[in-house]
Protein backbone atom coordinates (compact mmCIF):
# COMPACT_ATOMS: atom_id res chain seq x y z
CA MET A 1 15.22 -6.95 11.49
CA SER A 2 13.37 -5.84 7.99
CA LEU A 3 10.36 -4.38 8.15
CA THR A 4 7.37 -6.65 7.07
CA VAL A 5 5.70 -3.54 5.35
CA ASP A 6 8.00 -0.61 4.57
CA VAL A 7 6.32 2.39 2.51
CA ARG A 8 7.77 5.49 1.93
CA ASP A 9 6.59 8.63 0.20
CA LEU A 10 4.12 7.32 -1.24
CA THR A 11 2.16 10.20 -3.34
CA PHE A 12 -1.30 8.53 -5.70
CA ARG A 13 -3.53 10.24 -7.88
CA HIS A 14 -6.11 8.49 -9.62
CA GLY A 15 -6.05 10.91 -12.73
CA SER A 16 -5.45 14.58 -11.64
CA THR A 17 -6.62 13.90 -7.63
CA VAL A 18 -4.68 13.60 -4.95
CA ALA A 19 -6.30 9.91 -3.42
CA LEU A 20 -2.51 9.52 -0.94
CA ALA A 21 0.14 12.16 -0.34
CA ASP A 22 3.25 11.93 0.84
CA LEU A 23 2.62 8.68 2.91
CA SER A 24 4.98 6.46 4.88
CA LEU A 25 3.53 3.55 6.64
CA ASN A 26 6.37 1.46 8.82
CA LEU A 27 5.27 -2.22 9.91
CA ASN A 28 7.64 -4.45 11.58
CA LYS A 29 6.33 -8.49 12.03
CA GLY A 30 3.76 -8.79 14.93
CA ASP A 31 2.11 -5.09 14.53
CA ARG A 32 -1.36 -4.45 14.06
CA CYS A 33 -2.24 -1.78 11.91
CA VAL A 34 -6.19 -0.42 11.91
CA LEU A 35 -7.20 1.33 8.53
CA VAL A 36 -9.69 4.25 9.37
CA GLY A 37 -11.14 7.09 7.25
CA ALA A 38 -14.07 8.28 6.07
CA ASN A 39 -15.49 6.91 2.42
CA GLY A 40 -13.35 8.37 -0.37
CA ALA A 41 -10.59 8.84 2.19
CA GLY A 42 -7.90 6.31 0.18
CA LYS A 43 -8.14 3.20 2.46
CA SER A 44 -8.83 0.49 -0.35
CA THR A 45 -6.72 2.45 -2.85
CA LEU A 46 -3.58 1.49 0.30
CA LEU A 47 -4.97 -1.84 0.38
CA GLN A 48 -4.69 -1.81 -3.73
CA ILE A 49 -1.08 -0.48 -3.71
CA LEU A 50 -0.13 -3.08 -0.36
CA ALA A 51 -0.87 -5.88 -2.74
CA GLY A 52 0.58 -4.72 -6.10
CA LYS A 53 -2.81 -4.16 -7.55
CA ARG A 54 -1.78 -0.27 -8.10
CA LEU A 55 1.41 1.03 -10.17
CA LEU A 56 3.23 3.59 -8.36
CA THR A 57 4.68 6.77 -9.88
CA GLU A 58 5.78 8.74 -6.84
CA GLY A 59 7.14 6.95 -4.06
CA SER A 60 8.09 3.26 -3.07
CA VAL A 61 6.45 -0.02 -1.27
CA GLN A 62 7.72 -3.06 -0.02
CA ILE A 63 6.22 -5.61 1.61
CA PHE A 64 9.09 -8.78 2.85
CA GLY A 65 11.40 -6.95 1.31
CA GLN A 66 10.41 -6.99 -2.35
CA ASP A 67 8.70 -4.80 -4.82
CA VAL A 68 5.47 -5.65 -4.65
CA PHE A 69 4.70 -4.48 -7.88
CA ARG A 70 7.11 -6.30 -9.84
CA GLN A 71 7.89 -9.04 -7.77
CA THR A 72 4.61 -9.66 -5.34
CA PRO A 73 5.67 -12.04 -2.15
CA GLU A 74 3.89 -15.36 -1.97
CA GLY A 75 0.24 -15.14 0.36
CA VAL A 76 -0.04 -11.31 -0.34
CA THR A 77 -3.57 -10.54 -1.59
CA PHE A 78 -6.25 -8.20 -1.68
CA LEU A 79 -9.77 -8.97 -1.69
CA GLY A 80 -11.93 -5.97 -2.88
CA THR A 81 -15.38 -5.35 -3.51
CA GLU A 82 -15.64 -6.83 -6.47
CA TRP A 83 -15.56 -10.32 -5.57
């Protein structure tokens, strides 16, 4: 069975500030995950990355076996606070 969410060695920077460092996350279909953390901890950044809204330079992110930035799977979206 392939992973639904497959994040490997993700590091993301806002300029020179590291927002996420060496993050790995693997979820199968039907798994549940709670994302909690302090303001500025990178929760929204991670969700934007998972939806393909942020380009990565370090690590890989696949949803349903596809690169989310180059080939976002149908139904994967990020509804941020900007709406």
